[in-house]
Amino acid sequence: MTIVWNAQRVSEGLKEIDSARPAVLANVKSLLDEYHKAEKSPRYYDILLGDWVERYLHLIYVAIQQLATGSAERNQQGEILKKVKVTAPTDTAEFFASHQSLPEVVLAVLQSVTFGGADSVDISESDVIVRNSSLPGRRDKIISKLLRLISVKRTPKILFVKPFSGNLPNSWISTMFSWRKWASHDDLQFAYSVRAKVDSRWRSEKLLNFRTDASLAEIANSMLTAFLPVCAIEAFSGVRTKVNRARPNRVGHLYSSQALWANFTFKLLAAEWCELGTKLHYHQHGGWYGLDESHVAENYESRVADFYYTWGWSRGASNTKPLSPVAIDLHPREKTFDSLICFDQPKQIYRLQYFPLPGTLQTMYEQTAEFVKTRESSNQLKIRLFPGEFGKTQQKAITDATPKAIFDNSMPIAEQYSASRLVIHNYVGTSWLETLGNNIPTICFYDVDAYRFREDAKELLEELVRVKILHLSGSSAAEHANFIDNDINLWWLSEEVQTARKNFAKEFANYSPEWKRTWQENFQSMIGK
């Protein structure tokens, strides 16, 4: 039986994962304290591996559901696999990058342990080399060197690491120059390599059998050492030594909006420095935050940060406050086409979140096909597919609906926004917040079965539906696009549309041209300057 991963099913999963997480984090601490013969705080390991634990639990939960519903794959003889060989991931970045293949591996291990016991798992005793996964491209390498050169040659009061996604804008370079007496930028893109041998004996000894009625936490803990990354166990001492040598001067305040996820170098420094008193500042970096009924990235980031910044909302949390995101580079350009920004996901589930997943992905494809088929404008529509390899299902649905569809991911997305008369989104994520917050004419359509929003956000969302920014089907979005096609600004700049947009953006997409001033005021007050 195929599982339909709609919002209700996601909610059930997130609730169970929330219950299991403390026990799994506690086991991670126990295992690593034992292995390294040193005791660290729970927060240390949460910073270091909290993102990994989150993703690991999602994979285990999904595999359990597949077995329970009979949707797990069998081998060619129709028998459950009873022996499986596992290669431990080198680091957290490799683990996250393997989202296409990991679900099958985790399911195979679960099948083996369920029907054959812990002895049925064979952990490969391989030699591996752990390297810094945050090495730069040519452009970022040049900019990174420039930013280090312009900084004052002393320990800054605050260090900015990966303050936003994508390429560093020129405005950030000038900002760092003006703040050079008290702030510095360093994406930690230094090279290191550590050779290690996977300790398969220790890992295998820690594998456990479990009862048929075991909880998610018990099942996850039974298989934990098969999947813990080498960088946290066998290579940890060497990596720790090289990272601390490369950046020996601890700062009082450390900021990022990207590096807590899979950037082991940053996470190691943050964990080490926070043990000694450094304050960790972290910033929301995309969509869904604050809107989703439950959002795992938001929960993790706000849990480990001393100061957590959002794009507008706070909800009274003591460590959480609004702080406008860095403005994206939007330059005046002739509006020559419309844009359709698309979302996609792999067929294998690797995380639970309120967006289209297997079971609701097909609805999103159908809605998108409805949109391009119903749209009647003579203006060119540039369709931007989601980055990544997810198969051709969405592209085929679109070309079946309109064979002359134009797919184009060649422009940086901010340039595409600037050159668009109208930007349409087929999902409720980061990109629609960027266009809404920057007052670019925006239409968004989505499947209500895939999303679940917080109660205090629903009234603002309903206002966006009322003024026809948000739509519940692709055909509705296209019909409205057709209606406003001759004069988009007559609709977009109307008082009711702008009021609804501003009210929503203030809470969830509070982009501001004054971001530099507000950042400076915030951080200087924090560091006591």
Protein backbone atom coordinates (compact mmCIF):
# COMPACT_ATOMS: atom_id res chain seq x y z
CA MET A 1 0.00 0.00 0.00
CA THR A 2 1.39 3.38 -1.02
CA ILE A 3 1.51 5.92 1.78
CA VAL A 4 -0.02 9.33 1.09
CA TRP A 5 2.18 11.77 2.98
CA ASN A 6 -0.32 14.59 3.44
CA ALA A 7 -0.32 17.19 6.22
CA GLN A 8 -2.15 14.92 8.65
CA ARG A 9 0.39 12.13 8.20
CA VAL A 10 3.26 14.61 8.53
CA SER A 11 1.76 15.93 11.79
CA GLU A 12 1.56 12.43 13.21
CA GLY A 13 5.19 11.82 12.28
CA LEU A 14 6.50 15.09 13.66
CA LYS A 15 4.73 14.50 16.95
CA GLU A 16 6.31 11.08 17.35
CA ILE A 17 9.73 12.39 16.31
CA ASP A 18 9.47 15.23 18.85
CA SER A 19 8.86 12.63 21.57
CA ALA A 20 11.81 10.49 20.47
CA ARG A 21 14.40 13.22 19.96
CA PRO A 22 15.49 13.75 23.62
CA ALA A 23 16.25 10.06 24.13
CA VAL A 24 18.25 9.84 20.89
CA LEU A 25 20.22 13.02 21.65
CA ALA A 26 20.95 11.66 25.12
CA ASN A 27 22.22 8.41 23.59
CA VAL A 28 24.44 10.33 21.17
CA LYS A 29 25.97 12.14 24.15
CA SER A 30 26.47 8.91 26.07
CA LEU A 31 28.09 7.10 23.15
CA LEU A 32 30.43 9.93 22.20
CA ASP A 33 31.40 10.75 25.77
CA GLU A 34 32.33 7.09 26.18
CA TYR A 35 34.22 6.86 22.91
CA HIS A 36 36.20 10.07 23.41
CA LYS A 37 36.62 9.59 27.18
CA ALA A 38 35.45 13.14 27.84
CA GLU A 39 32.18 14.60 29.00
CA LYS A 40 30.51 17.42 27.08
CA SER A 41 27.24 19.19 27.75
CA PRO A 42 23.99 18.14 26.06
CA ARG A 43 24.01 21.46 24.20
CA TYR A 44 27.49 20.71 22.84
CA TYR A 45 26.21 17.58 21.13
CA ASP A 46 22.98 19.26 20.07
CA ILE A 47 24.95 21.94 18.22
CA LEU A 48 27.32 19.34 16.81
CA LEU A 49 24.80 16.70 15.71
CA GLY A 50 21.28 17.99 16.36
CA ASP A 51 20.68 18.45 12.64
CA TRP A 52 21.93 14.92 11.94
CA VAL A 53 19.73 13.42 14.69
CA GLU A 54 16.71 15.22 13.22
CA ARG A 55 17.23 13.85 9.72
CA TYR A 56 18.14 10.39 11.01
CA LEU A 57 14.90 10.20 13.03
CA HIS A 58 12.86 11.20 9.99
CA LEU A 59 14.45 8.42 7.95
CA ILE A 60 13.82 5.84 10.68
CA TYR A 61 10.21 6.96 11.15
CA VAL A 62 9.45 6.74 7.43
CA ALA A 63 11.06 3.29 7.18
CA ILE A 64 8.97 2.04 10.13
CA GLN A 65 5.81 3.29 8.44
CA GLN A 66 6.74 1.56 5.19
CA LEU A 67 7.22 -1.75 6.97
CA ALA A 68 4.01 -1.34 8.96
CA THR A 69 1.89 -0.59 5.89
CA GLY A 70 3.45 -3.25 3.70
CA SER A 71 4.88 -0.70 1.27
CA ALA A 72 8.50 -1.79 1.81
CA GLU A 73 10.26 -3.20 -1.23
CA ARG A 74 11.07 -6.93 -1.32
CA ASN A 75 14.01 -8.48 -3.12
CA GLN A 76 13.57 -10.34 -6.40
CA GLN A 77 12.77 -13.60 -4.61
CA GLY A 78 10.04 -11.81 -2.65
CA GLU A 79 11.82 -12.25 0.69
CA ILE A 80 12.70 -9.64 3.28
CA LEU A 81 16.41 -8.81 3.29
CA LYS A 82 18.12 -10.44 6.30
CA LYS A 83 21.71 -9.25 5.87
CA VAL A 84 22.84 -5.78 4.90
CA LYS A 85 26.21 -4.07 4.57
CA VAL A 86 26.43 -0.46 5.74
CA THR A 87 29.09 2.15 5.06
CA ALA A 88 29.11 4.87 7.72
CA PRO A 89 28.87 8.41 6.27
CA THR A 90 32.12 10.34 6.29
CA ASP A 91 30.55 13.55 7.59
CA THR A 92 27.20 15.25 8.05
CA ALA A 93 27.39 16.93 4.64
CA GLU A 94 27.72 13.53 2.94
CA PHE A 95 24.82 12.20 5.00
CA PHE A 96 22.57 15.09 3.94
CA ALA A 97 23.68 14.92 0.31
CA SER A 98 22.70 11.24 0.14
CA HIS A 99 18.99 12.02 0.49
CA GLN A 100 18.18 10.13 -2.71
CA SER A 101 19.75 6.83 -1.60
CA LEU A 102 19.64 6.93 2.22
CA PRO A 103 15.93 6.07 2.59
CA GLU A 104 16.50 2.70 0.90
CA VAL A 105 19.61 2.01 3.00
CA VAL A 106 17.84 2.85 6.27
CA LEU A 107 14.87 0.69 5.27
CA ALA A 108 17.18 -2.22 4.43
CA VAL A 109 18.90 -1.95 7.83
CA LEU A 110 15.55 -1.76 9.61
CA GLN A 111 14.34 -4.86 7.76
CA SER A 112 17.49 -6.76 8.65
CA VAL A 113 17.43 -5.88 12.34
CA THR A 114 13.69 -6.51 12.58
CA PHE A 115 13.82 -9.99 11.06
CA GLY A 116 17.43 -11.02 11.64
CA GLY A 117 18.60 -9.14 14.73
CA ALA A 118 21.47 -6.72 15.19
CA ASP A 119 24.01 -9.34 14.05
CA SER A 120 22.56 -9.14 10.54
CA VAL A 121 24.09 -5.68 10.01
CA ASP A 122 27.63 -5.67 8.62
CA ILE A 123 29.35 -2.29 9.13
CA SER A 124 32.13 -1.76 6.61
CA GLU A 125 35.62 -1.42 8.16
CA SER A 126 36.82 1.07 5.58
CA ASP A 127 39.55 3.70 5.48
CA VAL A 128 38.13 7.17 4.91
CA ILE A 129 39.40 10.72 4.60
CA VAL A 130 37.37 13.46 6.25
CA ARG A 131 37.75 16.87 4.62
CA ASN A 132 36.28 20.30 5.19
CA SER A 133 32.98 20.14 3.33
CA SER A 134 32.76 23.94 3.16
CA LEU A 135 35.35 24.63 0.49
CA PRO A 136 34.66 27.65 -1.74
CA GLY A 137 34.19 28.15 -5.43
CA ARG A 138 36.60 30.50 -7.21
CA ARG A 139 34.46 33.64 -6.76
CA ASP A 140 33.71 33.01 -3.10
CA LYS A 141 37.36 32.14 -2.45
CA ILE A 142 38.45 35.53 -3.78
CA ILE A 143 35.76 37.38 -1.83
CA SER A 144 36.55 35.41 1.32
CA LYS A 145 40.21 36.42 1.10
CA LEU A 146 39.20 40.03 0.51
CA LEU A 147 36.92 40.03 3.53
CA ARG A 148 39.69 38.63 5.72
CA LEU A 149 42.11 41.25 4.41
CA ILE A 150 39.85 44.21 5.20
CA SER A 151 39.20 43.08 8.76
CA VAL A 152 41.20 44.64 11.58
CA LYS A 153 43.99 42.26 12.62
CA ARG A 154 42.62 41.41 16.02
CA THR A 155 39.92 39.16 17.35
CA PRO A 156 36.57 40.69 16.34
CA LYS A 157 33.76 41.03 18.83
CA ILE A 158 31.42 39.22 16.44
CA LEU A 159 32.19 36.81 13.62
CA PHE A 160 29.76 36.38 10.71
CA VAL A 161 29.81 32.92 9.08
CA LYS A 162 27.60 32.25 6.06
CA PRO A 163 25.20 35.12 6.78
CA PHE A 164 22.95 34.18 3.86
CA SER A 165 22.57 31.64 1.06
CA GLY A 166 23.89 32.08 -2.45
CA ASN A 167 26.63 34.41 -3.63
CA LEU A 168 27.90 37.16 -1.36
CA PRO A 169 26.52 40.48 -2.67
CA ASN A 170 28.79 43.48 -3.12
CA SER A 171 26.78 45.33 -0.48
CA TRP A 172 28.00 42.85 2.12
CA ILE A 173 31.65 43.60 1.31
CA SER A 174 31.10 47.32 1.88
CA THR A 175 29.18 46.52 5.07
CA MET A 176 32.05 44.46 6.46
CA PHE A 177 34.48 47.24 5.59
CA SER A 178 32.44 49.78 7.57
CA TRP A 179 32.12 47.36 10.52
CA ARG A 180 35.74 46.17 10.41
CA LYS A 181 36.68 47.55 13.86
CA TRP A 182 34.22 45.27 15.66
CA ALA A 183 33.06 42.61 13.17
CA SER A 184 34.58 40.18 10.71
CA HIS A 185 33.42 37.69 8.08
CA ASP A 186 34.85 34.19 7.76
CA ASP A 187 33.08 31.26 6.08
CA LEU A 188 35.71 28.86 7.51
CA GLN A 189 36.65 27.69 4.05
CA PHE A 190 40.11 26.41 4.96
CA ALA A 191 41.34 23.02 3.80
CA TYR A 192 42.05 20.09 6.07
CA SER A 193 41.98 16.33 5.76
CA VAL A 194 41.97 13.62 8.41
CA ARG A 195 42.46 9.93 7.62
CA ALA A 196 40.56 7.48 9.81
CA LYS A 197 39.58 3.82 9.89
CA VAL A 198 35.95 3.00 10.64
CA ASP A 199 35.79 1.25 14.02
CA SER A 200 33.37 -1.41 12.88
CA ARG A 201 33.91 -3.53 15.98
CA TRP A 202 32.86 -0.75 18.38
CA ARG A 203 29.97 0.28 16.15
CA SER A 204 28.73 -3.32 15.82
CA GLU A 205 28.94 -3.93 19.57
CA LYS A 206 26.62 -0.96 20.13
CA LEU A 207 23.94 -2.23 17.76
CA LEU A 208 20.94 -3.61 19.65
CA ASN A 209 17.96 -5.83 19.04
CA PHE A 210 14.53 -4.40 19.78
CA ARG A 211 11.07 -5.72 20.62
CA THR A 212 8.27 -5.74 18.07
CA ASP A 213 6.44 -3.11 20.15
CA ALA A 214 9.50 -0.85 20.54
CA SER A 215 9.13 2.92 20.38
CA LEU A 216 10.67 5.12 17.69
CA ALA A 217 13.40 6.19 20.13
CA GLU A 218 14.27 2.57 20.96
CA ILE A 219 14.44 1.55 17.31
CA ALA A 220 16.50 4.62 16.35
CA ASN A 221 18.93 4.06 19.22
CA SER A 222 19.34 0.38 18.34
CA MET A 223 20.78 1.26 14.90
CA LEU A 224 22.46 4.56 15.77
CA THR A 225 26.10 3.53 15.44
CA ALA A 226 25.54 2.18 11.93
CA PHE A 227 24.87 5.71 10.71
CA LEU A 228 26.77 8.10 12.99
CA PRO A 229 29.21 10.04 10.78
CA VAL A 230 32.92 9.26 10.99
CA CYS A 231 33.73 12.93 11.62
CA ALA A 232 32.00 12.64 15.02
CA ILE A 233 33.66 9.36 16.07
CA GLU A 234 36.82 7.96 14.50
CA ALA A 235 38.04 11.20 12.89
CA PHE A 236 36.72 13.56 15.56
CA SER A 237 39.95 14.09 17.50
CA GLY A 238 41.92 14.86 14.34
CA VAL A 239 39.26 17.16 12.90
CA ARG A 240 38.91 18.98 16.23
CA THR A 241 42.66 19.55 16.44
CA LYS A 242 42.93 20.91 12.89
CA VAL A 243 39.87 23.15 13.17
CA ASN A 244 41.03 24.64 16.47
CA ARG A 245 44.52 25.23 15.05
CA ALA A 246 43.06 26.96 11.99
CA ARG A 247 40.86 29.25 14.09
CA PRO A 248 42.45 29.47 17.56
CA ASN A 249 40.98 32.82 18.62
CA ARG A 250 37.55 32.44 20.18
CA VAL A 251 35.09 35.27 19.58
CA GLY A 252 32.49 36.47 22.06
CA HIS A 253 29.66 36.39 19.52
CA LEU A 254 29.15 34.10 16.53
CA TYR A 255 26.48 34.60 13.83
CA SER A 256 25.15 32.52 10.94
CA SER A 257 21.95 31.84 9.05
CA GLN A 258 23.14 28.79 7.09
CA ALA A 259 25.94 26.91 8.80
CA LEU A 260 24.09 24.90 11.47
CA TRP A 261 22.96 22.43 8.80
CA ALA A 262 25.63 19.97 7.65
CA ASN A 263 28.59 22.39 8.01
CA PHE A 264 30.57 20.33 10.51
CA THR A 265 33.47 22.79 10.70
CA PHE A 266 31.19 25.61 11.84
CA LYS A 267 29.24 23.35 14.17
CA LEU A 268 32.42 22.08 15.84
CA LEU A 269 33.73 25.60 16.44
CA ALA A 270 30.31 26.76 17.66
CA ALA A 271 30.04 23.81 20.07
CA GLU A 272 33.57 24.34 21.38
CA TRP A 273 33.28 28.11 21.73
CA CYS A 274 29.81 28.07 23.28
CA GLU A 275 31.13 25.74 26.00
CA LEU A 276 33.56 28.54 26.85
CA GLY A 277 30.99 31.34 26.84
CA THR A 278 30.55 32.44 23.21
CA LYS A 279 27.02 33.59 22.37
CA LEU A 280 25.51 31.98 19.28
CA HIS A 281 23.34 34.23 17.09
CA TYR A 282 21.28 32.45 14.45
CA HIS A 283 18.89 33.76 11.79
CA GLN A 284 15.97 32.26 9.91
CA HIS A 285 17.15 31.71 6.35
CA GLY A 286 14.07 30.84 4.34
CA GLY A 287 10.40 30.07 4.04
CA TRP A 288 8.08 27.95 6.18
CA TYR A 289 9.62 29.28 9.42
CA GLY A 290 6.96 30.73 11.71
CA LEU A 291 4.18 29.64 9.34
CA ASP A 292 4.26 25.84 9.63
CA GLU A 293 2.33 24.34 12.52
CA SER A 294 5.65 22.70 13.44
CA HIS A 295 8.96 23.35 11.73
CA VAL A 296 11.96 21.20 12.65
CA ALA A 297 14.66 23.62 11.44
CA GLU A 298 13.12 26.46 13.41
CA ASN A 299 12.86 24.27 16.51
CA TYR A 300 16.48 23.10 16.27
CA GLU A 301 18.00 26.48 15.48
CA SER A 302 16.10 28.37 18.17
CA ARG A 303 16.86 25.58 20.68
CA VAL A 304 20.65 25.82 20.37
CA ALA A 305 20.96 29.58 19.74
CA ASP A 306 21.40 32.19 22.46
CA PHE A 307 19.75 34.74 20.18
CA TYR A 308 17.39 33.70 17.39
CA TYR A 309 16.31 36.14 14.67
CA THR A 310 13.28 35.85 12.42
CA TRP A 311 11.83 37.61 9.40
CA GLY A 312 9.19 39.33 11.53
CA TRP A 313 7.51 37.04 14.08
CA SER A 314 8.53 36.32 17.66
CA ARG A 315 5.54 34.89 19.60
CA GLY A 316 7.05 35.97 22.90
CA ALA A 317 9.99 33.52 23.07
CA SER A 318 12.68 34.99 25.31
CA ASN A 319 15.57 34.39 22.88
CA THR A 320 13.65 35.21 19.68
CA LYS A 321 13.26 38.60 18.03
CA PRO A 322 12.56 40.00 14.54
CA LEU A 323 15.49 41.15 12.43
CA SER A 324 15.13 41.91 8.73
CA PRO A 325 17.03 39.52 6.44
CA VAL A 326 19.79 40.78 4.20
CA ALA A 327 18.16 42.40 1.19
CA ILE A 328 18.57 40.43 -2.03
CA ASP A 329 20.19 42.26 -4.95
CA LEU A 330 17.29 43.63 -7.00
CA HIS A 331 18.21 46.09 -9.74
CA PRO A 332 15.74 47.96 -11.97
CA ARG A 333 15.30 46.10 -15.25
CA GLU A 334 12.88 46.11 -18.13
CA LYS A 335 10.00 43.73 -17.35
CA THR A 336 10.06 41.41 -20.35
CA PHE A 337 8.42 38.15 -19.19
CA ASP A 338 6.51 36.39 -16.41
CA SER A 339 8.11 33.74 -14.21
CA LEU A 340 6.84 30.47 -12.76
CA ILE A 341 8.99 29.30 -9.83
CA CYS A 342 8.56 25.58 -9.17
CA PHE A 343 9.21 23.30 -6.21
CA ASP A 344 10.05 19.61 -6.27
CA GLN A 345 11.08 16.72 -4.03
CA PRO A 346 12.50 13.23 -4.62
CA LYS A 347 10.18 10.24 -4.63
CA GLN A 348 11.99 8.84 -1.62
CA ILE A 349 11.12 10.66 1.61
CA TYR A 350 14.12 11.89 3.58
CA ARG A 351 12.40 14.47 5.82
CA LEU A 352 8.91 15.33 7.00
CA GLN A 353 7.73 18.88 6.47
CA TYR A 354 4.54 20.62 5.44
CA PHE A 355 5.13 20.75 1.69
CA PRO A 356 4.40 18.40 -1.21
CA LEU A 357 5.71 14.90 -0.53
CA PRO A 358 5.00 11.54 -2.19
CA GLY A 359 1.24 11.30 -2.19
CA THR A 360 0.73 15.06 -2.63
CA LEU A 361 3.55 15.77 -5.11
CA GLN A 362 1.31 14.55 -7.93
CA THR A 363 -1.33 17.11 -6.95
CA MET A 364 1.29 19.87 -7.21
CA TYR A 365 2.30 18.61 -10.66
CA GLU A 366 -1.35 18.57 -11.74
CA GLN A 367 -1.95 22.07 -10.38
CA THR A 368 1.12 23.35 -12.21
CA ALA A 369 -0.05 21.75 -15.45
CA GLU A 370 -3.48 23.35 -14.92
CA PHE A 371 -1.83 26.73 -14.51
CA VAL A 372 0.24 26.65 -17.71
CA LYS A 373 -2.69 25.19 -19.67
CA THR A 374 -5.19 27.81 -18.45
CA ARG A 375 -2.85 30.82 -18.71
CA GLU A 376 -3.60 32.85 -21.86
CA SER A 377 -1.11 35.71 -21.79
CA SER A 378 0.88 36.57 -24.89
CA ASN A 379 3.84 37.41 -22.64
CA GLN A 380 6.57 34.80 -22.38
CA LEU A 381 6.49 32.55 -19.31
CA LYS A 382 9.89 31.41 -18.04
CA ILE A 383 9.56 28.27 -15.93
CA ARG A 384 12.26 27.80 -13.29
CA LEU A 385 12.47 24.22 -12.04
CA PHE A 386 13.62 23.49 -8.51
CA PRO A 387 17.41 22.86 -8.37
CA GLY A 388 18.35 19.21 -7.97
CA GLU A 389 17.78 15.86 -9.61
CA PHE A 390 14.19 14.79 -8.92
CA GLY A 391 13.30 13.13 -12.16
CA LYS A 392 11.29 14.55 -15.07
CA THR A 393 7.75 14.07 -13.75
CA GLN A 394 7.00 17.75 -13.21
CA GLN A 395 8.60 18.83 -16.47
CA LYS A 396 6.64 16.19 -18.38
CA ALA A 397 3.35 17.28 -16.77
CA ILE A 398 4.05 20.85 -17.88
CA THR A 399 5.09 19.97 -21.43
CA ASP A 400 2.08 17.67 -21.82
CA ALA A 401 -0.11 20.65 -20.92
CA THR A 402 1.78 23.14 -23.09
CA PRO A 403 4.37 21.61 -25.46
CA LYS A 404 6.08 24.96 -26.11
CA ALA A 405 6.89 25.57 -22.42
CA ILE A 406 10.15 27.44 -21.82
CA PHE A 407 12.32 26.10 -19.00
CA ASP A 408 15.11 28.43 -17.96
CA ASN A 409 17.27 28.36 -14.82
CA SER A 410 20.10 30.35 -16.39
CA MET A 411 19.59 33.64 -14.56
CA PRO A 412 20.37 34.23 -10.89
CA ILE A 413 16.96 34.14 -9.24
CA ALA A 414 17.13 37.76 -8.03
CA GLU A 415 17.77 38.91 -11.61
CA GLN A 416 14.81 36.83 -12.77
CA TYR A 417 12.59 38.50 -10.17
CA SER A 418 13.77 41.93 -11.35
CA ALA A 419 13.02 41.18 -15.00
CA SER A 420 9.56 39.71 -14.37
CA ARG A 421 6.24 41.49 -14.74
CA LEU A 422 4.65 38.86 -12.50
CA VAL A 423 6.17 36.01 -10.46
CA ILE A 424 4.05 32.90 -9.87
CA HIS A 425 5.01 30.21 -7.34
CA ASN A 426 3.63 26.66 -7.17
CA TYR A 427 4.49 26.24 -3.48
CA VAL A 428 4.44 28.17 -0.21
CA GLY A 429 8.15 28.43 0.56
CA THR A 430 11.11 30.81 0.41
CA SER A 431 10.72 32.31 -3.04
CA TRP A 432 7.19 33.66 -2.55
CA LEU A 433 8.33 35.39 0.66
CA GLU A 434 11.18 36.99 -1.28
CA THR A 435 8.89 38.44 -3.93
CA LEU A 436 6.13 39.40 -1.47
CA GLY A 437 8.58 41.02 0.93
CA ASN A 438 10.23 42.97 -1.88
CA ASN A 439 6.88 44.12 -3.31
CA ILE A 440 7.19 42.25 -6.61
CA PRO A 441 3.79 41.30 -8.14
CA THR A 442 3.20 37.80 -6.80
CA ILE A 443 0.72 34.98 -7.26
CA CYS A 444 1.08 31.69 -5.41
CA PHE A 445 -0.98 28.49 -5.58
CA TYR A 446 -0.75 25.45 -3.34
CA ASP A 447 -2.46 22.22 -2.27
CA VAL A 448 -4.16 22.62 1.11
CA ASP A 449 -3.69 18.90 1.85
CA ALA A 450 0.10 19.34 1.89
CA TYR A 451 0.32 22.27 4.31
CA ARG A 452 -0.71 23.02 7.88
CA PHE A 453 -0.32 26.54 9.25
CA ARG A 454 -0.27 27.99 12.76
CA GLU A 455 -3.48 29.49 14.05
CA ASP A 456 -2.13 33.03 14.40
CA ALA A 457 -1.00 33.03 10.75
CA LYS A 458 -4.29 31.88 9.23
CA GLU A 459 -6.07 35.25 9.25
CA LEU A 460 -3.21 36.92 7.37
CA LEU A 461 -3.13 34.05 4.87
CA GLU A 462 -6.89 34.26 4.37
CA GLU A 463 -6.49 37.94 3.51
CA LEU A 464 -3.95 36.99 0.83
CA VAL A 465 -6.50 34.54 -0.56
CA ARG A 466 -9.20 37.23 -0.53
CA VAL A 467 -7.06 39.69 -2.55
CA LYS A 468 -6.04 36.84 -4.91
CA ILE A 469 -2.35 36.67 -4.09
CA LEU A 470 -2.84 33.14 -2.74
CA HIS A 471 -4.84 30.51 -4.66
CA LEU A 472 -5.90 26.98 -3.83
CA SER A 473 -5.58 25.66 -7.39
CA GLY A 474 -3.47 26.24 -10.46
CA SER A 475 -6.50 27.03 -12.61
CA SER A 476 -7.66 29.74 -10.16
CA ALA A 477 -4.20 31.31 -10.21
CA ALA A 478 -4.12 31.27 -14.02
CA GLU A 479 -7.60 32.76 -14.34
CA HIS A 480 -6.56 35.65 -12.10
CA ALA A 481 -3.31 36.10 -14.03
CA ASN A 482 -5.37 36.30 -17.22
CA PHE A 483 -7.71 38.87 -15.64
CA ILE A 484 -4.90 41.25 -14.58
CA ASP A 485 -2.65 40.59 -17.60
CA ASN A 486 -3.21 43.94 -19.31
CA ASP A 487 -2.41 46.00 -16.19
CA ILE A 488 -0.81 44.02 -13.39
CA ASN A 489 0.01 47.10 -11.33
CA LEU A 490 -3.63 48.22 -11.30
CA TRP A 491 -4.28 45.13 -9.18
CA TRP A 492 -0.97 44.88 -7.36
CA LEU A 493 -0.76 48.51 -6.24
CA SER A 494 -4.39 48.72 -5.17
CA GLU A 495 -4.92 49.66 -1.52
CA GLU A 496 -6.48 46.34 -0.47
CA VAL A 497 -3.74 44.23 -2.06
CA GLN A 498 -0.94 46.35 -0.63
CA THR A 499 -2.53 46.38 2.82
CA ALA A 500 -2.83 42.58 2.85
CA ARG A 501 0.73 42.23 1.52
CA LYS A 502 2.24 44.64 4.07
CA ASN A 503 0.40 43.08 7.00
CA PHE A 504 1.64 39.63 6.04
CA ALA A 505 5.18 40.75 5.17
CA LYS A 506 5.57 42.55 8.50
CA GLU A 507 5.22 39.19 10.27
CA PHE A 508 6.78 36.72 7.82
CA ALA A 509 8.80 38.51 5.11
CA ASN A 510 10.00 41.74 6.66
CA TYR A 511 12.61 42.74 4.11
CA SER A 512 13.86 46.26 4.69
CA PRO A 513 16.23 48.62 2.86
CA GLU A 514 17.33 49.66 6.35
CA TRP A 515 18.66 46.21 7.24
CA LYS A 516 22.27 47.45 7.66
CA ARG A 517 21.28 50.06 10.20
CA THR A 518 19.05 47.71 12.18
CA TRP A 519 21.71 44.98 12.15
CA GLN A 520 24.37 47.39 13.38
CA GLU A 521 22.14 48.66 16.17
CA ASN A 522 21.23 45.12 17.21
CA PHE A 523 24.71 43.62 17.23
CA GLN A 524 26.46 46.60 18.77
CA SER A 525 23.95 46.57 21.61
CA MET A 526 24.62 42.84 22.09
CA ILE A 527 28.40 43.17 22.17
CA GLY A 528 28.28 46.23 24.40
CA LYS A 529 29.90 48.62 21.98
